[in-house]
Amino acid sequence: MNIKIDSKRMVALLGALGLAGLASSLPAGAATVVLPSPGQMFWTAQFLGSSSGNTQTTPSGNFGNDYMLSVPGQYSFLDSFSSPQSNALTVGTPSTVGSYAFQDTYKFSVSQAASGDVLTVSLNLSTVSPVFDISNLQFRLYEVASNAVQPGLGIPPGSTLIKAWMGTSGPSTGTAIQANFSGIQAGTYFLDVAGTADGSSGGTYVGQLNLAPVPLPAALPLLVSGLGLFGTFRRRRAAVAP
């Protein structure tokens, strides 16, 4: 687990989000959206714990989209709860970080191999009597078998886990959770964010997904140029042969 505070990046993140730029020009309804960098992802599906069981929500508007992300790229995501979420989800609850009352899923695709990192933090406005707080904030990242796979509480069969659930147990301390990843291939991915909004007015989290192209091995350009020279040599020998 890699948990640390990166103050410079969080200042840049909050400045980029502005906490007021919630409006978006993305088309309404579920669709595949080519999101330029920088851009903001809205959650694709949400699961909420309720007294009657787990409730899946995919409202109209900017939600429910599948995003095609460019590499390199920098993408923000966030969600805000206007009231506490007190009923924990009963399926898929991890024991390493703690139970949670909501799970947001961000679905995105990339067209080339990439590396990068993810970070997220709860905006806790007070440590004494928090107005907005998210306890047991955590996230995970995995690749799904195809773009047709839909989000659920658990990881669908055939998926490849990139990062298992990781986060901070208990009330938020304003500490950013960060995970680096490398070697992901072209494909479709789910980023799940979970926690319990237990402030007096709910809770808010913000996050950022960064993508960078995977560099070629140092020996690969030499190998390619060597093969090119070998092909030229073969052609020359063929030309002078009787």
Protein backbone atom coordinates (compact mmCIF):
# COMPACT_ATOMS: atom_id res chain seq x y z
CA MET A 1 0.00 0.00 0.00
CA ASN A 2 1.30 3.42 -0.98
CA ILE A 3 -0.42 6.16 1.03
CA LYS A 4 1.05 9.64 1.23
CA ILE A 5 0.26 13.34 1.13
CA ASP A 6 1.32 15.13 -2.01
CA SER A 7 0.50 18.74 -1.20
CA LYS A 8 1.68 20.24 -4.48
CA ARG A 9 -0.37 17.84 -6.58
CA MET A 10 -3.45 18.24 -4.40
CA VAL A 11 -3.26 22.04 -4.63
CA ALA A 12 -3.01 21.74 -8.40
CA LEU A 13 -5.91 19.27 -8.41
CA LEU A 14 -8.21 21.44 -6.31
CA GLY A 15 -7.31 24.46 -8.40
CA ALA A 16 -8.09 22.58 -11.59
CA LEU A 17 -11.43 21.36 -10.22
CA GLY A 18 -12.27 24.67 -8.61
CA LEU A 19 -15.04 22.77 -6.78
CA ALA A 20 -17.34 24.86 -8.92
CA GLY A 21 -16.70 23.33 -12.32
CA LEU A 22 -19.30 20.61 -11.94
CA ALA A 23 -21.03 21.57 -15.16
CA SER A 24 -19.87 19.78 -18.28
CA SER A 25 -20.45 20.00 -22.00
CA LEU A 26 -20.64 16.23 -22.36
CA PRO A 27 -23.69 14.90 -24.20
CA ALA A 28 -26.65 13.63 -22.18
CA GLY A 29 -27.31 9.96 -21.70
CA ALA A 30 -25.05 6.92 -21.74
CA ALA A 31 -22.53 7.10 -24.53
CA THR A 32 -18.88 6.61 -25.39
CA VAL A 33 -17.26 10.00 -24.87
CA VAL A 34 -13.81 10.91 -26.16
CA LEU A 35 -12.48 12.95 -23.25
CA PRO A 36 -9.59 15.30 -24.02
CA SER A 37 -6.89 16.07 -21.49
CA PRO A 38 -7.46 17.65 -19.08
CA GLY A 39 -11.05 16.55 -18.57
CA GLN A 40 -13.48 15.43 -15.88
CA MET A 41 -15.01 11.98 -15.63
CA PHE A 42 -18.44 11.50 -14.07
CA TRP A 43 -19.23 8.20 -12.43
CA THR A 44 -20.69 5.55 -14.72
CA ALA A 45 -22.67 3.67 -12.06
CA GLN A 46 -23.25 4.05 -8.33
CA PHE A 47 -24.26 1.57 -5.65
CA LEU A 48 -25.80 2.85 -2.41
CA GLY A 49 -26.50 0.99 0.81
CA SER A 50 -30.10 1.32 1.96
CA SER A 51 -32.35 -0.23 4.57
CA SER A 52 -34.00 -2.30 1.84
CA GLY A 53 -30.72 -3.50 0.32
CA ASN A 54 -28.17 -2.35 -2.20
CA THR A 55 -29.44 0.16 -4.75
CA GLN A 56 -27.80 0.74 -8.13
CA THR A 57 -28.19 4.21 -9.59
CA THR A 58 -27.32 5.40 -13.10
CA PRO A 59 -29.09 8.74 -13.57
CA SER A 60 -29.53 10.60 -16.82
CA GLY A 61 -27.38 13.54 -17.84
CA ASN A 62 -23.60 13.29 -17.80
CA PHE A 63 -23.56 10.02 -15.86
CA GLY A 64 -23.48 6.56 -17.35
CA ASN A 65 -20.84 7.47 -19.92
CA ASP A 66 -17.94 5.28 -21.06
CA TYR A 67 -14.84 7.40 -21.57
CA MET A 68 -12.14 7.01 -24.19
CA LEU A 69 -9.08 8.64 -22.63
CA SER A 70 -6.08 9.93 -24.53
CA VAL A 71 -2.54 9.01 -23.51
CA PRO A 72 -0.86 11.04 -22.12
CA GLY A 73 -3.66 12.64 -20.18
CA GLN A 74 -4.80 14.01 -16.83
CA TYR A 75 -8.39 13.44 -15.72
CA SER A 76 -10.30 14.49 -12.60
CA PHE A 77 -13.26 12.84 -10.91
CA LEU A 78 -15.39 13.62 -7.86
CA ASP A 79 -18.67 12.98 -6.11
CA SER A 80 -20.56 14.78 -3.37
CA PHE A 81 -23.23 13.44 -1.00
CA SER A 82 -25.73 15.92 0.41
CA SER A 83 -26.72 13.68 3.31
CA PRO A 84 -25.01 10.95 5.37
CA GLN A 85 -24.91 7.42 3.96
CA SER A 86 -25.20 5.18 6.99
CA ASN A 87 -26.22 1.77 5.63
CA ALA A 88 -23.21 -0.27 4.57
CA LEU A 89 -23.26 -2.25 1.35
CA THR A 90 -23.58 -5.93 2.19
CA VAL A 91 -21.82 -7.37 -0.86
CA GLY A 92 -18.22 -6.90 -1.86
CA THR A 93 -17.22 -5.19 1.38
CA PRO A 94 -13.43 -5.44 1.81
CA SER A 95 -12.03 -6.40 5.21
CA THR A 96 -8.62 -4.77 4.72
CA VAL A 97 -9.85 -1.15 4.66
CA GLY A 98 -13.37 -1.36 6.08
CA SER A 99 -17.04 -1.42 5.14
CA TYR A 100 -18.57 1.25 2.92
CA ALA A 101 -21.99 2.70 2.09
CA PHE A 102 -21.41 3.76 -1.53
CA GLN A 103 -19.37 2.56 -4.50
CA ASP A 104 -18.84 4.73 -7.59
CA THR A 105 -17.52 3.15 -10.79
CA TYR A 106 -15.73 5.14 -13.51
CA LYS A 107 -15.52 3.20 -16.78
CA PHE A 108 -12.85 4.20 -19.28
CA SER A 109 -10.83 2.81 -22.20
CA VAL A 110 -7.37 3.50 -23.56
CA SER A 111 -6.12 2.74 -27.06
CA GLN A 112 -2.47 2.12 -26.18
CA ALA A 113 -0.27 0.81 -23.40
CA ALA A 114 0.16 3.23 -20.51
CA SER A 115 1.45 3.75 -17.00
CA GLY A 116 0.37 6.33 -14.45
CA ASP A 117 -1.15 6.88 -11.04
CA VAL A 118 -4.43 7.53 -9.24
CA LEU A 119 -4.99 9.68 -6.18
CA THR A 120 -8.09 10.70 -4.24
CA VAL A 121 -8.86 12.50 -0.98
CA SER A 122 -11.90 13.27 1.14
CA LEU A 123 -12.68 16.96 1.69
CA ASN A 124 -13.10 16.95 5.45
CA LEU A 125 -13.98 20.49 6.54
CA SER A 126 -13.60 19.87 10.28
CA THR A 127 -11.93 17.18 12.37
CA VAL A 128 -13.96 17.99 15.52
CA SER A 129 -17.51 17.92 14.13
CA PRO A 130 -17.12 17.21 10.41
CA VAL A 131 -19.66 18.76 8.06
CA PHE A 132 -18.39 16.74 5.09
CA ASP A 133 -16.49 13.54 5.74
CA ILE A 134 -15.94 10.18 4.06
CA SER A 135 -14.73 7.33 6.25
CA ASN A 136 -12.98 4.24 4.87
CA LEU A 137 -12.21 6.02 1.60
CA GLN A 138 -10.69 3.51 -0.84
CA PHE A 139 -10.31 2.68 -4.51
CA ARG A 140 -9.34 -0.18 -6.83
CA LEU A 141 -8.47 -0.44 -10.53
CA TYR A 142 -8.95 -3.42 -12.85
CA GLU A 143 -9.29 -4.29 -16.54
CA VAL A 144 -12.48 -5.96 -17.77
CA ALA A 145 -12.74 -8.49 -20.55
CA SER A 146 -14.60 -6.24 -23.00
CA ASN A 147 -16.36 -2.91 -23.34
CA ALA A 148 -19.70 -4.73 -23.01
CA VAL A 149 -19.07 -5.56 -19.34
CA GLN A 150 -21.20 -3.48 -16.96
CA PRO A 151 -20.21 -2.36 -13.44
CA GLY A 152 -21.16 -4.30 -10.34
CA LEU A 153 -20.19 -4.53 -6.70
CA GLY A 154 -17.71 -7.31 -7.37
CA ILE A 155 -15.02 -7.74 -10.00
CA PRO A 156 -16.57 -9.42 -13.10
CA PRO A 157 -15.20 -12.81 -14.25
CA GLY A 158 -12.33 -12.55 -16.69
CA SER A 159 -11.07 -9.26 -15.25
CA THR A 160 -7.43 -8.45 -14.51
CA LEU A 161 -6.78 -6.74 -11.18
CA ILE A 162 -4.37 -3.80 -11.45
CA LYS A 163 -4.69 -2.44 -7.90
CA ALA A 164 -6.66 -4.13 -5.12
CA TRP A 165 -8.75 -2.09 -2.66
CA MET A 166 -6.49 0.38 -0.89
CA GLY A 167 -7.23 3.37 1.32
CA THR A 168 -7.43 4.65 4.88
CA SER A 169 -9.58 3.09 7.59
CA GLY A 170 -11.72 5.29 9.80
CA PRO A 171 -12.63 8.97 9.49
CA SER A 172 -10.90 11.13 6.93
CA THR A 173 -7.75 12.98 7.95
CA GLY A 174 -7.30 14.83 4.66
CA THR A 175 -4.62 12.37 3.62
CA ALA A 176 -4.45 11.64 -0.10
CA ILE A 177 -4.47 8.00 -1.18
CA GLN A 178 -2.17 7.35 -4.12
CA ALA A 179 -1.30 4.27 -6.20
CA ASN A 180 1.11 3.97 -9.11
CA PHE A 181 0.54 1.48 -11.92
CA SER A 182 2.42 0.45 -15.04
CA GLY A 183 2.10 -1.81 -18.04
CA ILE A 184 -1.65 -1.55 -18.64
CA GLN A 185 -2.56 -2.43 -22.20
CA ALA A 186 -5.13 -1.07 -24.63
CA GLY A 187 -8.53 -2.06 -23.25
CA THR A 188 -11.41 -1.16 -20.92
CA TYR A 189 -10.93 -0.43 -17.23
CA PHE A 190 -13.05 0.18 -14.13
CA LEU A 191 -11.97 2.55 -11.37
CA ASP A 192 -14.07 1.94 -8.23
CA VAL A 193 -14.18 4.51 -5.41
CA ALA A 194 -15.93 3.58 -2.16
CA GLY A 195 -16.50 4.91 1.34
CA THR A 196 -19.11 6.08 3.84
CA ALA A 197 -20.29 9.70 3.76
CA ASP A 198 -20.74 10.25 7.50
CA GLY A 199 -20.41 14.02 7.95
CA SER A 200 -23.39 15.97 9.27
CA SER A 201 -24.04 17.09 5.67
CA GLY A 202 -22.66 14.03 3.89
CA GLY A 203 -19.25 13.98 2.24
CA THR A 204 -17.21 14.91 -0.79
CA TYR A 205 -14.17 13.36 -2.45
CA VAL A 206 -12.02 14.52 -5.34
CA GLY A 207 -9.49 12.56 -7.36
CA GLN A 208 -7.19 12.51 -10.34
CA LEU A 209 -6.16 9.86 -12.87
CA ASN A 210 -2.90 10.43 -14.75
CA LEU A 211 -1.88 8.44 -17.85
CA ALA A 212 1.51 8.36 -19.55
CA PRO A 213 2.72 6.27 -22.51
CA VAL A 214 4.90 3.27 -21.73
CA PRO A 215 8.46 4.04 -22.93
CA LEU A 216 10.09 1.67 -25.39
CA PRO A 217 12.93 -0.43 -23.97
CA ALA A 218 16.30 1.19 -24.62
CA ALA A 219 17.44 -1.76 -26.75
CA LEU A 220 14.35 -1.80 -28.98
CA PRO A 221 15.33 1.11 -31.29
CA LEU A 222 18.78 -0.46 -31.70
CA LEU A 223 17.17 -3.79 -32.57
CA VAL A 224 14.87 -2.19 -35.14
CA SER A 225 17.74 -0.26 -36.76
CA GLY A 226 19.86 -3.42 -36.75
CA LEU A 227 17.14 -5.37 -38.54
CA GLY A 228 16.89 -2.56 -41.08
CA LEU A 229 20.62 -2.68 -41.78
CA PHE A 230 20.47 -6.48 -42.04
CA GLY A 231 17.68 -6.22 -44.62
CA THR A 232 19.68 -3.67 -46.65
CA PHE A 233 22.73 -5.96 -46.54
CA ARG A 234 20.68 -8.93 -47.77
CA ARG A 235 19.23 -6.91 -50.65
CA ARG A 236 22.72 -5.75 -51.71
CA ARG A 237 24.05 -9.31 -51.67
CA ALA A 238 21.12 -10.43 -53.78
CA ALA A 239 21.79 -7.65 -56.27
CA VAL A 240 25.47 -8.63 -56.85
CA ALA A 241 24.91 -12.38 -56.87
CA PRO A 242 25.25 -14.10 -60.31
